[in-house]
Protein backbone atom coordinates (compact mmCIF):
# COMPACT_ATOMS: atom_id res chain seq x y z
CA MET A 1 -94.34 -85.16 22.23
CA ARG A 2 -96.71 -86.71 24.72
CA SER A 3 -93.84 -87.87 26.95
CA ALA A 4 -92.45 -84.33 26.93
CA ARG A 5 -95.80 -83.01 28.11
CA LEU A 6 -95.86 -85.49 30.97
CA LEU A 7 -92.37 -84.38 31.98
CA LEU A 8 -93.64 -80.82 31.91
CA CYS A 9 -96.45 -81.84 34.25
CA VAL A 10 -93.91 -83.19 36.68
CA SER A 11 -91.89 -79.98 36.41
CA ILE A 12 -94.92 -77.90 37.28
CA LEU A 13 -95.81 -80.17 40.17
CA LEU A 14 -92.35 -79.82 41.64
CA ALA A 15 -92.07 -76.09 41.05
CA ARG A 16 -95.35 -74.59 42.06
CA CYS A 17 -98.60 -75.99 40.70
CA PRO A 18 -99.15 -79.21 42.61
CA ALA A 19 -102.06 -81.33 41.64
CA ALA A 20 -104.67 -81.34 44.37
CA LEU A 21 -103.92 -84.79 45.69
CA PRO A 22 -107.11 -86.73 46.32
CA GLN A 23 -107.97 -86.95 49.95
CA ASP A 24 -108.92 -90.56 49.38
CA SER A 25 -105.49 -91.62 48.14
CA SER A 26 -105.14 -94.09 51.00
CA PRO A 27 -107.68 -96.73 51.98
CA PRO A 28 -110.39 -95.58 54.35
CA ASP A 29 -109.70 -96.21 58.01
CA PRO A 30 -111.74 -99.31 58.91
CA GLN A 31 -112.26 -97.76 62.34
CA SER A 32 -113.84 -94.58 60.90
CA LYS A 33 -117.38 -94.01 62.11
CA SER A 34 -120.35 -91.99 61.00
CA ALA A 35 -121.72 -89.08 62.98
CA SER A 36 -123.84 -91.54 64.97
CA GLY A 37 -120.72 -93.45 65.95
CA ALA A 38 -121.37 -96.46 63.67
CA ILE A 39 -119.12 -97.53 60.79
CA SER A 40 -120.75 -96.66 57.46
CA LYS A 41 -121.91 -99.89 55.87
CA ALA A 42 -122.02 -98.21 52.44
CA ASP A 43 -118.35 -97.20 52.73
CA THR A 44 -117.40 -100.68 53.90
CA ASP A 45 -119.24 -102.28 50.99
CA ALA A 46 -117.63 -99.87 48.54
CA GLU A 47 -114.16 -100.70 49.83
CA VAL A 48 -114.77 -104.45 49.71
CA GLN A 49 -116.06 -104.26 46.13
CA LEU A 50 -113.15 -102.06 45.06
CA GLN A 51 -110.63 -104.55 46.37
CA LYS A 52 -112.52 -107.33 44.57
CA ALA A 53 -112.46 -105.35 41.31
CA LEU A 54 -108.71 -104.93 41.60
CA THR A 55 -108.06 -108.55 42.56
CA ASP A 56 -110.26 -110.02 39.84
CA ALA A 57 -108.52 -107.98 37.13
CA GLY A 58 -105.04 -109.18 38.04
CA ASN A 59 -102.54 -107.77 35.54
CA ASP A 60 -105.13 -107.41 32.76
CA ARG A 61 -105.53 -103.66 32.17
CA ALA A 62 -108.58 -104.03 29.95
CA ALA A 63 -110.27 -106.14 32.63
CA LEU A 64 -109.33 -103.55 35.25
CA ILE A 65 -110.99 -100.81 33.19
CA ARG A 66 -114.18 -102.85 32.85
CA ASN A 67 -114.22 -103.69 36.57
CA LEU A 68 -113.61 -100.11 37.69
CA ARG A 69 -116.30 -98.75 35.37
CA THR A 70 -118.76 -101.26 36.79
CA TYR A 71 -117.66 -100.28 40.30
CA LEU A 72 -118.34 -96.60 39.61
CA LEU A 73 -121.82 -97.37 38.26
CA ARG A 74 -122.60 -99.20 41.50
CA PHE A 75 -120.86 -96.69 43.82
CA PRO A 76 -121.01 -93.29 42.07
CA ASP A 77 -120.32 -91.45 45.34
CA SER A 78 -117.50 -93.70 46.52
CA PRO A 79 -115.00 -91.94 48.81
CA ARG A 80 -112.33 -93.48 46.59
CA LYS A 81 -113.73 -92.01 43.37
CA ALA A 82 -110.80 -89.70 42.59
CA GLY A 83 -108.32 -92.53 43.10
CA VAL A 84 -110.39 -94.78 40.83
CA TYR A 85 -110.37 -92.07 38.16
CA ARG A 86 -106.58 -91.91 38.32
CA ALA A 87 -106.31 -95.70 38.00
CA LEU A 88 -108.62 -95.59 34.99
CA ILE A 89 -106.61 -92.83 33.32
CA GLU A 90 -103.37 -94.75 33.73
CA SER A 91 -104.89 -98.01 32.51
CA CYS A 92 -106.58 -96.37 29.52
CA GLU A 93 -103.28 -94.79 28.48
CA GLN A 94 -101.50 -98.12 28.79
CA ILE A 95 -103.88 -99.75 26.31
CA LYS A 96 -103.76 -96.64 24.05
CA ASP A 97 -107.43 -95.76 24.61
CA ASN A 98 -107.06 -91.98 24.58
CA LEU A 99 -110.77 -91.23 24.60
CA CYS A 100 -111.16 -93.29 27.76
CA ALA A 101 -108.18 -91.53 29.40
CA LEU A 102 -109.57 -88.14 28.40
CA GLU A 103 -113.01 -88.93 29.81
CA TYR A 104 -111.67 -89.69 33.28
CA ALA A 105 -109.04 -86.94 33.20
CA GLU A 106 -111.79 -84.37 32.72
CA ARG A 107 -113.93 -86.02 35.38
CA LEU A 108 -111.00 -85.73 37.79
CA ILE A 109 -110.48 -82.06 36.87
CA ALA A 110 -114.13 -81.45 37.72
CA ILE A 111 -113.49 -82.86 41.21
CA HIS A 112 -110.08 -81.17 41.65
CA PRO A 113 -110.04 -78.00 39.51
CA ASP A 114 -106.56 -77.07 40.78
CA ASP A 115 -104.97 -80.27 39.46
CA SER A 116 -102.44 -78.78 37.02
CA GLU A 117 -100.93 -82.15 36.22
CA MET A 118 -104.25 -83.53 35.07
CA MET A 119 -105.08 -80.38 33.08
CA LEU A 120 -101.89 -80.67 31.06
CA LEU A 121 -102.42 -84.36 30.52
CA ALA A 122 -105.90 -83.51 29.24
CA VAL A 123 -104.38 -80.93 26.88
CA GLY A 124 -102.28 -83.61 25.21
CA LEU A 125 -105.25 -85.94 24.89
CA LEU A 126 -107.46 -83.18 23.52
CA GLU A 127 -104.84 -82.20 20.95
CA ASP A 128 -104.84 -85.76 19.70
CA GLN A 129 -108.56 -85.40 18.92
CA ALA A 130 -107.89 -82.08 17.12
CA ASP A 131 -111.54 -81.10 16.62
CA ASP A 132 -112.64 -77.54 17.40
CA ALA A 133 -114.44 -78.34 20.65
CA CYS A 134 -111.47 -80.32 22.00
CA LEU A 135 -108.99 -77.59 21.07
CA ILE A 136 -111.11 -74.95 22.82
CA ARG A 137 -111.07 -77.04 26.00
CA ALA A 138 -107.32 -77.65 25.64
CA SER A 139 -106.62 -73.93 25.31
CA GLY A 140 -108.75 -73.25 28.37
CA TYR A 141 -106.86 -75.76 30.49
CA VAL A 142 -103.44 -74.38 29.51
CA SER A 143 -104.62 -70.83 30.15
CA ARG A 144 -105.75 -71.79 33.66
CA VAL A 145 -102.33 -73.26 34.44
CA ILE A 146 -100.54 -70.23 32.95
CA ASP A 147 -102.66 -67.92 35.09
CA ARG A 148 -101.78 -69.92 38.19
CA VAL A 149 -98.06 -69.85 37.41
CA GLU A 150 -98.01 -66.15 36.53
CA LYS A 151 -99.72 -65.28 39.84
CA THR A 152 -97.31 -67.28 41.97
CA PRO A 153 -95.37 -64.86 44.20
CA PRO A 154 -91.71 -65.50 45.12
CA GLU A 155 -92.78 -65.93 48.75
CA GLU A 156 -94.25 -69.31 47.80
CA LYS A 157 -90.99 -70.73 46.46
CA PRO A 158 -89.68 -73.90 48.16
CA ALA A 159 -87.51 -73.10 51.15
CA ARG A 160 -84.65 -75.17 49.77
CA SER A 161 -84.45 -73.11 46.54
CA SER A 162 -82.72 -69.78 46.13
CA LEU A 163 -84.65 -66.94 44.52
CA ALA A 164 -82.48 -67.24 41.38
CA GLU A 165 -83.13 -70.99 41.13
CA TRP A 166 -86.84 -70.50 41.63
CA GLN A 167 -87.00 -67.76 39.00
CA ASP A 168 -85.08 -69.89 36.51
CA ARG A 169 -87.51 -72.75 37.13
CA GLN A 170 -90.50 -70.46 36.69
CA ASP A 171 -89.09 -69.18 33.39
CA GLN A 172 -88.67 -72.74 32.15
CA ILE A 173 -92.28 -73.53 33.07
CA ARG A 174 -93.60 -70.33 31.44
CA SER A 175 -91.67 -71.05 28.26
CA SER A 176 -93.14 -74.55 28.10
CA LEU A 177 -96.69 -73.45 28.84
CA TYR A 178 -96.71 -70.63 26.28
CA TYR A 179 -95.33 -73.08 23.73
CA MET A 180 -98.16 -75.53 24.51
CA ARG A 181 -100.84 -72.88 24.15
CA GLY A 182 -99.25 -71.61 20.94
CA GLU A 183 -99.30 -75.14 19.58
CA VAL A 184 -103.02 -75.45 20.34
CA GLU A 185 -103.71 -72.05 18.76
CA ARG A 186 -101.82 -73.08 15.63
CA LEU A 187 -104.06 -76.14 15.35
CA GLN A 188 -107.05 -73.79 15.74
CA ARG A 189 -105.59 -71.63 12.94
CA LYS A 190 -105.48 -68.67 15.31
CA TYR A 191 -102.13 -67.68 13.88
CA ASP A 192 -101.80 -64.22 15.41
CA ALA A 193 -102.48 -65.58 18.90
CA ALA A 194 -100.14 -68.50 18.24
CA VAL A 195 -97.32 -66.20 17.14
CA THR A 196 -97.77 -64.06 20.26
CA ASP A 197 -97.57 -67.08 22.58
CA LEU A 198 -94.70 -68.74 20.71
CA GLN A 199 -92.72 -65.50 20.80
CA LYS A 200 -93.36 -65.31 24.56
CA SER A 201 -92.11 -68.87 24.87
CA TYR A 202 -88.97 -68.06 22.89
CA SER A 203 -88.23 -64.75 24.61
CA THR A 204 -88.63 -66.37 28.02
CA ARG A 205 -86.30 -69.24 27.17
CA GLU A 206 -84.75 -69.68 23.71
CA ASN A 207 -85.98 -73.02 22.38
CA ALA A 208 -86.01 -74.85 19.08
CA ALA A 209 -89.63 -76.02 19.35
CA ALA A 210 -91.09 -72.51 19.43
CA ALA A 211 -88.76 -71.38 16.64
CA GLU A 212 -89.87 -74.26 14.41
CA LEU A 213 -93.59 -73.51 14.88
CA LEU A 214 -92.96 -69.82 14.23
CA GLY A 215 -91.18 -70.80 11.02
CA GLU A 216 -94.06 -73.03 10.00
CA ILE A 217 -96.60 -70.24 10.51
CA ALA A 218 -94.42 -67.76 8.61
CA GLU A 219 -94.06 -70.24 5.72
CA MET A 220 -97.85 -70.71 5.57
CA ARG A 221 -98.20 -66.94 5.40
CA ASN A 222 -95.66 -66.78 2.54
CA ASP A 223 -93.29 -64.75 4.71
CA SER A 224 -90.20 -66.57 3.45
CA ALA A 225 -87.63 -64.27 5.06
CA THR A 226 -89.10 -64.80 8.54
CA ALA A 227 -89.52 -68.53 7.89
CA ILE A 228 -85.83 -68.84 6.97
CA ASP A 229 -84.74 -67.01 10.13
CA ASP A 230 -87.02 -69.08 12.38
CA TYR A 231 -86.16 -72.43 10.79
CA THR A 232 -82.46 -71.58 11.04
CA LEU A 233 -82.84 -70.93 14.77
CA ALA A 234 -84.74 -74.19 15.20
CA PHE A 235 -81.93 -76.03 13.43
CA VAL A 236 -79.02 -74.60 15.43
CA LEU A 237 -80.54 -74.30 18.90
CA PRO A 238 -79.92 -77.11 21.42
CA GLN A 239 -82.76 -79.45 22.36
CA ASN A 240 -84.03 -77.76 25.49
CA GLY A 241 -86.51 -75.18 26.66
CA ALA A 242 -90.11 -75.92 25.74
CA GLY A 243 -91.95 -79.19 26.25
CA ALA A 244 -91.16 -80.68 22.84
CA LYS A 245 -88.17 -81.77 20.80
CA VAL A 246 -87.65 -80.99 17.16
CA ASP A 247 -86.74 -83.36 14.36
CA ARG A 248 -83.60 -81.68 13.00
CA ARG A 249 -83.82 -83.57 9.71
CA GLN A 250 -87.36 -82.31 9.22
CA VAL A 251 -86.30 -78.74 10.08
CA ARG A 252 -83.38 -79.06 7.66
CA MET A 253 -85.75 -80.11 4.87
CA ARG A 254 -88.15 -77.26 5.63
CA LEU A 255 -85.32 -74.73 5.75
CA GLY A 256 -83.84 -75.98 2.48
CA ASN A 257 -87.23 -75.89 0.79
CA VAL A 258 -87.90 -72.24 1.71
CA TRP A 259 -84.32 -71.23 0.86
CA ARG A 260 -84.57 -72.80 -2.61
CA LYS A 261 -87.94 -71.11 -3.12
CA VAL A 262 -86.30 -67.72 -2.53
CA TYR A 263 -82.86 -68.22 -4.09
CA GLY A 264 -83.36 -71.12 -6.53
CA THR A 265 -80.40 -72.98 -5.02
CA GLU A 266 -79.01 -73.90 -1.62
CA ASN A 267 -75.86 -71.84 -2.20
CA GLY A 268 -75.31 -69.62 0.84
CA LEU A 269 -77.45 -71.70 3.18
CA GLY A 270 -74.44 -73.10 5.01
CA ALA A 271 -73.16 -69.58 5.69
CA GLN A 272 -76.61 -68.62 7.00
CA ILE A 273 -76.59 -71.55 9.44
CA LEU A 274 -73.04 -70.89 10.66
CA ALA A 275 -73.75 -67.19 11.14
CA ALA A 276 -76.83 -68.02 13.23
CA TYR A 277 -74.88 -70.51 15.32
CA ASP A 278 -72.05 -68.04 15.95
CA ARG A 279 -74.54 -65.34 16.90
CA LEU A 280 -76.32 -67.60 19.40
CA ALA A 281 -73.07 -68.97 20.82
CA ALA A 282 -71.52 -65.54 21.32
CA PRO A 283 -71.02 -64.55 24.97
CA PRO A 284 -73.40 -61.91 26.35
CA ALA A 285 -72.56 -58.27 25.75
CA GLY A 286 -69.98 -57.16 28.25
CA ALA A 287 -68.88 -60.73 28.99
CA ASP A 288 -66.33 -60.94 26.16
CA PRO A 289 -62.93 -61.50 27.87
CA SER A 290 -61.15 -59.63 25.06
CA VAL A 291 -62.43 -56.32 26.45
CA ARG A 292 -60.00 -56.79 29.34
CA ASN A 293 -57.10 -55.89 27.04
CA LYS A 294 -58.86 -53.91 24.31
CA ASP A 295 -56.34 -51.05 24.55
CA ALA A 296 -53.22 -53.25 24.53
CA LYS A 297 -50.75 -52.24 21.80
CA ASP A 298 -48.16 -54.99 22.25
CA LEU A 299 -47.65 -58.29 24.05
CA PHE A 300 -46.23 -56.71 27.17
CA ALA A 301 -49.31 -54.54 27.72
CA PHE A 302 -51.48 -57.62 28.32
CA VAL A 303 -52.72 -58.65 31.76
CA LEU A 304 -54.04 -62.20 31.76
CA ARG A 305 -55.95 -64.28 34.32
CA ARG A 306 -54.75 -67.46 35.92
CA LEU A 307 -57.20 -70.31 36.56
CA ASN A 308 -57.59 -69.26 40.20
CA GLY A 309 -58.76 -65.78 39.16
CA THR A 310 -55.55 -63.90 40.00
CA THR A 311 -53.89 -61.85 37.27
CA ILE A 312 -50.46 -61.89 35.70
CA SER A 313 -48.97 -58.97 33.82
CA LEU A 314 -46.78 -59.81 30.84
CA ALA A 315 -44.79 -56.57 31.18
CA PRO A 316 -42.02 -58.18 33.30
CA LEU A 317 -41.44 -60.69 30.50
CA LYS A 318 -39.95 -58.05 28.22
CA GLY A 319 -36.38 -59.10 27.52
CA LYS A 320 -37.25 -62.81 27.78
CA VAL A 321 -38.18 -65.40 25.17
CA VAL A 322 -41.89 -66.21 25.49
CA VAL A 323 -43.44 -69.44 24.20
CA LEU A 324 -47.24 -69.56 23.91
CA SER A 325 -49.45 -72.54 23.12
CA PHE A 326 -53.07 -71.63 22.31
CA TRP A 327 -55.54 -74.43 23.04
CA ALA A 328 -59.10 -75.33 24.12
CA THR A 329 -60.65 -78.27 25.95
CA TRP A 330 -62.83 -79.12 22.92
CA CYS A 331 -59.84 -79.29 20.54
CA GLY A 332 -58.77 -82.90 19.88
CA PRO A 333 -55.26 -82.13 18.51
CA CYS A 334 -54.71 -79.81 21.50
CA ARG A 335 -55.18 -82.73 23.87
CA ASP A 336 -52.34 -84.51 22.07
CA LEU A 337 -50.09 -81.49 21.68
CA GLU A 338 -50.28 -79.96 25.16
CA PRO A 339 -48.58 -82.85 27.01
CA LEU A 340 -45.70 -82.57 24.49
CA PHE A 341 -45.62 -78.80 24.98
CA ASN A 342 -45.54 -79.39 28.74
CA GLN A 343 -42.61 -81.77 28.28
CA VAL A 344 -40.66 -79.21 26.25
CA ALA A 345 -41.32 -76.56 28.92
CA GLU A 346 -39.98 -78.89 31.63
CA ASN A 347 -36.79 -79.41 29.61
CA PHE A 348 -36.16 -75.65 29.83
CA SER A 349 -37.12 -75.32 33.51
CA GLY A 350 -33.59 -74.26 34.47
CA GLU A 351 -33.44 -71.48 31.89
CA ALA A 352 -34.12 -68.06 33.47
CA ASN A 353 -34.64 -66.14 30.23
CA ILE A 354 -37.65 -68.07 28.90
CA ALA A 355 -41.31 -68.30 29.89
CA PHE A 356 -43.94 -70.82 28.78
CA PHE A 357 -47.73 -70.39 28.89
CA ALA A 358 -50.62 -72.58 27.79
CA VAL A 359 -53.18 -69.98 26.69
CA ASN A 360 -56.76 -71.22 26.92
CA THR A 361 -59.45 -69.94 24.53
CA ASP A 362 -62.56 -71.75 25.83
CA GLU A 363 -65.78 -69.71 25.98
CA ASP A 364 -66.98 -71.83 28.90
CA GLU A 365 -64.17 -71.17 31.34
CA THR A 366 -65.67 -73.47 33.98
CA LEU A 367 -64.43 -76.46 31.96
CA VAL A 368 -60.79 -75.48 32.09
CA ALA A 369 -59.62 -75.95 35.69
CA PRO A 370 -61.06 -79.49 36.05
CA PHE A 371 -59.53 -80.42 32.68
CA VAL A 372 -56.07 -79.15 33.60
CA LEU A 373 -56.26 -80.82 37.02
CA ARG A 374 -57.12 -84.12 35.39
CA GLU A 375 -54.32 -83.80 32.81
CA LYS A 376 -51.76 -82.81 35.51
CA TRP A 377 -49.99 -80.14 33.43
CA ASN A 378 -47.18 -78.18 35.09
CA VAL A 379 -46.90 -75.38 32.52
CA PRO A 380 -48.68 -72.18 33.66
CA VAL A 381 -52.21 -71.95 32.20
CA VAL A 382 -53.83 -68.56 31.56
CA PHE A 383 -56.99 -67.38 29.80
CA ALA A 384 -56.44 -65.66 26.45
CA ASP A 385 -58.42 -62.49 27.33
CA GLY A 386 -57.98 -61.21 23.76
CA LEU A 387 -54.38 -62.32 23.25
CA ASP A 388 -55.50 -64.87 20.65
CA ASP A 389 -57.13 -62.15 18.56
CA PHE A 390 -54.13 -59.85 19.01
CA MET A 391 -51.79 -62.60 17.80
CA LYS A 392 -54.18 -63.48 14.96
CA VAL A 393 -54.60 -67.07 16.09
CA MET A 394 -57.06 -68.46 13.57
CA ASN A 395 -56.98 -72.17 14.41
CA LEU A 396 -56.05 -74.47 17.26
CA PRO A 397 -53.60 -75.61 18.37
CA THR A 398 -51.18 -72.77 17.54
CA VAL A 399 -47.73 -72.40 19.10
CA LEU A 400 -45.76 -69.13 18.97
CA ILE A 401 -42.24 -68.16 20.01
CA LEU A 402 -41.65 -64.46 20.68
CA ASP A 403 -38.20 -62.94 20.92
CA PRO A 404 -37.20 -60.64 23.82
CA ASN A 405 -38.80 -57.68 22.00
CA GLY A 406 -42.16 -59.45 21.61
CA LYS A 407 -41.74 -60.17 17.90
CA ILE A 408 -43.15 -63.48 16.60
CA VAL A 409 -40.21 -65.52 15.30
CA TYR A 410 -41.88 -68.95 15.15
CA ARG A 411 -45.45 -70.05 14.46
CA SER A 412 -46.84 -73.55 14.04
CA GLY A 413 -50.43 -74.63 13.50
CA GLY A 414 -51.71 -78.10 14.25
CA LEU A 415 -49.74 -81.06 15.50
CA ALA A 416 -46.99 -82.17 13.13
CA GLU A 417 -44.80 -85.24 13.47
CA GLY A 418 -41.67 -84.48 15.46
CA PHE A 419 -43.28 -81.48 17.16
CA PRO A 420 -41.23 -81.61 20.41
CA GLU A 421 -37.91 -81.78 18.55
CA THR A 422 -38.87 -79.02 16.11
CA LEU A 423 -40.08 -76.70 18.88
CA THR A 424 -37.02 -77.40 21.02
CA ALA A 425 -34.67 -76.58 18.14
CA ALA A 426 -36.55 -73.35 17.39
CA ILE A 427 -36.38 -72.26 21.06
CA ARG A 428 -32.64 -72.94 21.26
CA ALA A 429 -32.07 -70.88 18.10
CA VAL A 430 -33.97 -67.90 19.55
CA LEU A 431 -32.15 -68.15 22.87
CA SER A 432 -28.79 -68.25 21.10
CA ALA A 433 -29.67 -65.20 18.99
CA ALA A 434 -30.75 -63.31 22.13
CA LYS A 435 -27.35 -63.74 23.87
């Protein structure tokens, strides 16, 4: 989880909340002079001793920590103090001394109170301590970063980003920050506040981490129905969104435990999971392609889309034999069947009274054109736009032959041995009957 928090810090730095970079991040100019025109001897001594501390430590991180601490005792007002703090934080983390890292992270925040990166690093370190005082400080740091992000106007977005890109990035950051604060509040046992923040995280960007914590809180409150719903979401959602990943095996065990508590068995749990997955994977309202032909009463009333976005009406195909192959890019058997279907279509290329179409059913239509280009199919490819439902295509691949009146006279599901020969014979029989 700690690595996820550090990635979040980087995200915030890039998006809006840059750490206030120390003004002493580069060595002092040896030609710099005091107000009287003379080079400050104190600054020169401090720089010499700092270089000695670094050199003497070599690659030994523990020695570097000792040397830098001694340096700070001797030069508490060093112009390089912020940089030394950063070096100490990094070194302390590398030797797993979290208390040391936390001490200098908070010292650096005191110098640079706008350093969002360091605040979020401190949050992770404070959470590891988990005592009340540390959690109060952690919550305060996250709240300060949230406030800064929420007050960022669009005018401050990077010039290279579009408004939509910037807004999407801001939503990702908000989701992560609200998750972090909710996590701290859960550790503080402030469950109402935690639920509010975790719900904000989830509503801003659906994520498994927030759903799992919401399920955990609901389970502790003996709200089994809510716990089941939240754990189910945590199990089926992809690993993105907030600044933490979930252990799916752990979520599965928690979900099963609550389900058995309510129902005494795990019967029905699989259906619950599949229903949740289907609900989350469903296209947004109004985006369902089947609405394009919702009033179609027969095959010839359909208007389908080609891959280039143009449309093709099936009405002119009335009186012809129509052969349809329903497929998707994710379907393994389809990848084997479609080249054979393409071959059969080429064998009938001189026949005027027959039409072939590869009917795609992918939800993510952006995958289709590159796939077809790579496979070099010649058969016309169209999007189903509800034709699969109309033809009651329940599994892929499915191949249909329709007679000149649009009646299904051949249906095959899956890829059987001898498919090209069987399909060719069936087509010839329909063509002969149509003469």
